[in-house]
C-alpha atoms as a PDB file:
ATOM      1  CA  MET A   1     -25.190  81.843  13.310  1.00  0.00           C
ATOM      2  CA  ASN A   2     -22.393  81.407  15.813  1.00  0.00           C
ATOM      3  CA  GLU A   3     -23.022  83.930  18.752  1.00  0.00           C
ATOM      4  CA  THR A   4     -19.476  83.365  20.041  1.00  0.00           C
ATOM      5  CA  THR A   5     -18.076  85.506  17.256  1.00  0.00           C
ATOM      6  CA  PHE A   6     -20.861  88.143  17.265  1.00  0.00           C
ATOM      7  CA  LYS A   7     -22.634  89.127  20.331  1.00  0.00           C
ATOM      8  CA  ILE A   8     -26.262  90.137  19.933  1.00  0.00           C
ATOM      9  CA  ARG A   9     -26.692  93.308  22.058  1.00  0.00           C
ATOM     10  CA  PRO A  10     -27.898  96.786  21.297  1.00  0.00           C
ATOM     11  CA  TYR A  11     -25.734  98.554  18.613  1.00  0.00           C
ATOM     12  CA  SER A  12     -25.908 102.053  17.371  1.00  0.00           C
ATOM     13  CA  LYS A  13     -26.591 102.441  13.706  1.00  0.00           C
ATOM     14  CA  ARG A  14     -23.079 103.728  13.111  1.00  0.00           C
ATOM     15  CA  GLU A  15     -21.455 100.915  15.079  1.00  0.00           C
ATOM     16  CA  LEU A  16     -23.284  98.144  13.213  1.00  0.00           C
ATOM     17  CA  ALA A  17     -22.877  99.876   9.839  1.00  0.00           C
ATOM     18  CA  LYS A  18     -19.139 100.137  10.343  1.00  0.00           C
ATOM     19  CA  LEU A  19     -19.101  96.391  11.251  1.00  0.00           C
ATOM     20  CA  TYR A  20     -20.882  95.523   7.953  1.00  0.00           C
ATOM     21  CA  PHE A  21     -18.947  98.076   5.915  1.00  0.00           C
ATOM     22  CA  PRO A  22     -15.482  98.295   7.605  1.00  0.00           C
ATOM     23  CA  PHE A  23     -13.695  99.671   4.483  1.00  0.00           C
ATOM     24  CA  THR A  24     -15.976 102.725   3.913  1.00  0.00           C
ATOM     25  CA  GLU A  25     -14.222 106.079   4.322  1.00  0.00           C
ATOM     26  CA  ASN A  26     -16.617 107.434   6.855  1.00  0.00           C
ATOM     27  CA  GLU A  27     -19.418 106.386   9.189  1.00  0.00           C
ATOM     28  CA  GLU A  28     -22.110 108.329   7.202  1.00  0.00           C
ATOM     29  CA  THR A  29     -21.292 106.237   4.148  1.00  0.00           C
ATOM     30  CA  ALA A  30     -21.485 103.072   6.125  1.00  0.00           C
ATOM     31  CA  VAL A  31     -24.855 104.024   7.547  1.00  0.00           C
ATOM     32  CA  ALA A  32     -26.132 104.968   4.099  1.00  0.00           C
ATOM     33  CA  ASN A  33     -25.079 101.576   2.747  1.00  0.00           C
ATOM     34  CA  LEU A  34     -26.822  99.754   5.566  1.00  0.00           C
ATOM     35  CA  ARG A  35     -29.902 101.820   5.053  1.00  0.00           C
ATOM     36  CA  MET A  36     -29.867 100.955   1.331  1.00  0.00           C
ATOM     37  CA  TRP A  37     -29.629  97.213   2.152  1.00  0.00           C
ATOM     38  CA  MET A  38     -32.620  97.595   4.405  1.00  0.00           C
ATOM     39  CA  VAL A  39     -34.753  99.521   1.908  1.00  0.00           C
ATOM     40  CA  ARG A  40     -33.923  97.147  -0.943  1.00  0.00           C
ATOM     41  CA  ASN A  41     -35.059  94.251   1.243  1.00  0.00           C
ATOM     42  CA  GLY A  42     -38.555  95.126   1.926  1.00  0.00           C
ATOM     43  CA  GLU A  43     -39.160  92.059   4.132  1.00  0.00           C
ATOM     44  CA  VAL A  44     -36.481  93.028   6.534  1.00  0.00           C
ATOM     45  CA  LEU A  45     -37.731  96.541   6.868  1.00  0.00           C
ATOM     46  CA  VAL A  46     -41.249  95.093   7.648  1.00  0.00           C
ATOM     47  CA  LYS A  47     -39.716  92.795  10.285  1.00  0.00           C
ATOM     48  CA  LEU A  48     -37.728  95.772  11.873  1.00  0.00           C
ATOM     49  CA  ARG A  49     -40.728  98.050  11.912  1.00  0.00           C
ATOM     50  CA  GLU A  50     -42.712  95.224  13.669  1.00  0.00           C
ATOM     51  CA  ALA A  51     -39.837  95.056  16.287  1.00  0.00           C
ATOM     52  CA  GLY A  52     -40.185  98.771  16.913  1.00  0.00           C
ATOM     53  CA  TYR A  53     -37.691 100.116  14.412  1.00  0.00           C
ATOM     54  CA  ARG A  54     -38.195 103.789  13.158  1.00  0.00           C
ATOM     55  CA  SER A  55     -35.878 105.650  10.799  1.00  0.00           C
ATOM     56  CA  HIS A  56     -35.049 108.247  13.364  1.00  0.00           C
ATOM     57  CA  CYS A  57     -33.894 105.722  15.972  1.00  0.00           C
ATOM     58  CA  LYS A  58     -30.217 105.748  16.632  1.00  0.00           C
ATOM     59  CA  ILE A  59     -29.819 102.374  18.394  1.00  0.00           C
ATOM     60  CA  PHE A  60     -30.865  98.824  17.122  1.00  0.00           C
ATOM     61  CA  THR A  61     -32.329  96.786  19.920  1.00  0.00           C
ATOM     62  CA  PRO A  62     -31.049  93.139  20.379  1.00  0.00           C
ATOM     63  CA  ARG A  63     -34.287  91.970  18.647  1.00  0.00           C
ATOM     64  CA  GLN A  64     -33.555  94.150  15.659  1.00  0.00           C
ATOM     65  CA  VAL A  65     -29.900  93.179  15.480  1.00  0.00           C
ATOM     66  CA  LYS A  66     -31.077  89.516  15.305  1.00  0.00           C
ATOM     67  CA  ILE A  67     -33.385  90.268  12.441  1.00  0.00           C
ATOM     68  CA  LEU A  68     -30.515  91.927  10.564  1.00  0.00           C
ATOM     69  CA  LEU A  69     -28.249  88.933  11.297  1.00  0.00           C
ATOM     70  CA  GLU A  70     -30.810  86.472  10.095  1.00  0.00           C
ATOM     71  CA  THR A  71     -31.107  88.457   6.889  1.00  0.00           C
ATOM     72  CA  PHE A  72     -27.621  89.672   6.081  1.00  0.00           C
ATOM     73  CA  GLY A  73     -25.479  87.307   8.120  1.00  0.00           C
ATOM     74  CA  GLU A  74     -22.757  88.224  10.525  1.00  0.00           C
ATOM     75  CA  PRO A  75     -20.715  91.341   9.668  1.00  0.00           C
END
C-alpha cells in the first residue's frame, strides 16, 4: 500500500464509498455497495467491530480505514 496516493485519515462513509464506487449514480448506492462488500466479507466486519465500528457510525476512523484498505485495496 502506497500512502502517498491515499491518505489514511477519518473518512465519512459517503466519502469513502464514493472513492470506492466513483461511477455510481448517487451516494446512497455507493454506501450500499460498500456495506455489501463489508457484510459479504465477515472477517473485515469482525475486525471493524473490534476497532469500534458500529453500523450507525457516520465516520470511519483511521484505524478502520486501514482495515478496509488492507482488505479491499486502495480505492
